[in-house]
Amino acid sequence: RIFGIMWRIIQILFCGLRLTCPACRYGRMYRSLTKMNVRCPVCGMIFERDLGEMTGAIWINATLTCTVAVVPTLYFAFFTDVPLLPLFVVVACLTSVVGALTYRSVRGMWISILYLTGSIHEH
């Protein structure tokens, strides 16, 4: 019983990472690279009811991006002889790229979390 519940939760979270609707598991969340659908084109579930619902996705993305920045910076700063200025430039570029590349998937995963907690309902 618990395995079935955990498996369902994992499936719904992976739907978010794949940018598919967590309710029907078929509809696409995004209609283009930057434009998110308001509703699922298959089942009609509203992905973003209120403007503030995406702050969780922003926090997850910021945490992920900061981790990608801090861990290598600390390692190279303390355990290698790499000069700090080039290190900071590389880490700043890496941080920008990681933040931009992961935001869509993190936003999709956040929608799945909202769906699991009941904040977003099936239509």
Protein backbone atom coordinates (compact mmCIF):
# COMPACT_ATOMS: atom_id res chain seq x y z
CA ARG A 1 0.00 0.00 0.00
CA ILE A 2 2.71 2.50 0.98
CA PHE A 3 4.81 1.46 -2.02
CA GLY A 4 1.84 2.25 -4.29
CA ILE A 5 1.41 5.70 -2.78
CA MET A 6 5.13 6.47 -3.01
CA TRP A 7 5.20 5.24 -6.63
CA ARG A 8 2.29 7.56 -7.51
CA ILE A 9 4.07 10.53 -5.88
CA ILE A 10 7.28 9.78 -7.79
CA GLN A 11 5.35 9.46 -11.07
CA ILE A 12 3.65 12.82 -10.53
CA LEU A 13 6.95 14.53 -9.67
CA PHE A 14 8.54 13.08 -12.83
CA CYS A 15 5.59 14.40 -14.83
CA GLY A 16 6.59 17.84 -13.59
CA LEU A 17 10.22 17.31 -14.58
CA ARG A 18 9.07 16.12 -18.03
CA LEU A 19 6.78 19.18 -18.22
CA THR A 20 3.59 17.16 -18.59
CA CYS A 21 0.34 17.64 -16.71
CA PRO A 22 0.36 15.90 -13.31
CA ALA A 23 -3.40 15.26 -13.47
CA CYS A 24 -3.76 13.49 -16.84
CA ARG A 25 -0.04 12.87 -17.46
CA TYR A 26 -0.41 13.70 -21.17
CA GLY A 27 -0.87 17.44 -21.67
CA ARG A 28 2.15 19.65 -22.19
CA MET A 29 2.80 22.48 -19.71
CA TYR A 30 4.64 24.68 -22.21
CA ARG A 31 3.52 25.67 -25.71
CA SER A 32 6.93 27.11 -26.58
CA LEU A 33 10.36 27.50 -25.00
CA THR A 34 9.24 30.37 -22.75
CA LYS A 35 5.43 30.38 -22.85
CA MET A 36 3.55 28.22 -20.38
CA ASN A 37 0.03 27.04 -21.12
CA VAL A 38 -2.56 28.47 -18.76
CA ARG A 39 -4.48 25.18 -18.88
CA CYS A 40 -3.62 21.62 -19.78
CA PRO A 41 -4.58 21.17 -23.45
CA VAL A 42 -5.84 17.63 -22.67
CA CYS A 43 -7.72 17.77 -19.34
CA GLY A 44 -8.11 21.54 -18.79
CA MET A 45 -6.39 21.71 -15.39
CA ILE A 46 -5.23 25.25 -14.62
CA PHE A 47 -1.46 25.23 -14.05
CA GLU A 48 -1.14 28.60 -12.32
CA ARG A 49 -4.20 29.88 -10.47
CA ASP A 50 -2.56 32.78 -8.64
CA LEU A 51 0.46 34.86 -9.55
CA GLY A 52 2.26 34.09 -6.27
CA GLU A 53 2.10 30.31 -6.68
CA MET A 54 5.38 30.20 -8.58
CA THR A 55 7.50 31.64 -5.77
CA GLY A 56 8.17 28.08 -4.59
CA ALA A 57 9.67 27.26 -7.98
CA ILE A 58 11.83 30.37 -7.78
CA TRP A 59 13.11 29.34 -4.33
CA ILE A 60 13.89 25.79 -5.46
CA ASN A 61 15.69 27.13 -8.53
CA ALA A 62 17.63 29.67 -6.46
CA THR A 63 18.69 26.97 -4.00
CA LEU A 64 19.82 24.67 -6.80
CA THR A 65 21.68 27.47 -8.54
CA CYS A 66 23.40 28.65 -5.34
CA THR A 67 24.48 25.09 -4.58
CA VAL A 68 25.99 24.83 -8.05
CA ALA A 69 27.84 28.08 -7.38
CA VAL A 70 28.98 27.61 -3.79
CA VAL A 71 30.21 24.01 -3.81
CA PRO A 72 32.73 24.34 -6.70
CA THR A 73 33.79 27.81 -5.52
CA LEU A 74 34.64 26.54 -2.04
CA TYR A 75 36.42 23.49 -3.41
CA PHE A 76 38.57 25.41 -5.91
CA ALA A 77 39.20 28.30 -3.50
CA PHE A 78 40.48 26.11 -0.67
CA PHE A 79 41.95 23.04 -2.34
CA THR A 80 43.52 24.32 -5.56
CA ASP A 81 45.73 27.17 -6.72
CA VAL A 82 43.18 28.59 -9.17
CA PRO A 83 43.16 32.41 -9.01
CA LEU A 84 39.96 33.79 -7.50
CA LEU A 85 39.00 36.25 -10.25
CA PRO A 86 38.83 33.68 -13.08
CA LEU A 87 37.12 31.28 -10.69
CA PHE A 88 34.40 33.82 -9.88
CA VAL A 89 33.90 34.63 -13.57
CA VAL A 90 33.49 30.96 -14.49
CA VAL A 91 31.16 30.30 -11.56
CA ALA A 92 29.06 33.38 -12.39
CA CYS A 93 28.64 32.17 -15.98
CA LEU A 94 27.89 28.63 -14.82
CA THR A 95 25.32 29.90 -12.34
CA SER A 96 23.53 31.92 -15.01
CA VAL A 97 23.40 28.97 -17.39
CA VAL A 98 22.24 26.47 -14.74
CA GLY A 99 19.54 28.84 -13.50
CA ALA A 100 18.20 29.41 -16.99
CA LEU A 101 18.34 25.76 -18.05
CA THR A 102 16.67 24.33 -14.96
CA TYR A 103 13.88 26.87 -14.38
CA ARG A 104 11.31 25.24 -16.68
CA SER A 105 11.77 21.80 -15.12
CA VAL A 106 11.77 23.19 -11.58
CA ARG A 107 8.60 25.13 -12.34
CA GLY A 108 6.99 21.97 -13.69
CA MET A 109 8.04 20.06 -10.60
CA TRP A 110 6.59 22.80 -8.39
CA ILE A 111 3.27 22.50 -10.22
CA SER A 112 3.39 18.76 -9.47
CA ILE A 113 4.03 19.53 -5.79
CA LEU A 114 1.08 21.93 -5.75
CA TYR A 115 -1.05 19.22 -7.36
CA LEU A 116 0.04 16.64 -4.77
CA THR A 117 -0.77 18.98 -1.88
CA GLY A 118 -4.18 19.85 -3.29
CA SER A 119 -3.39 23.47 -4.12
CA ILE A 120 -4.13 22.79 -7.79
CA HIS A 121 -7.19 20.71 -8.54
CA GLU A 122 -8.24 18.77 -11.59
CA HIS A 123 -10.78 20.64 -13.67
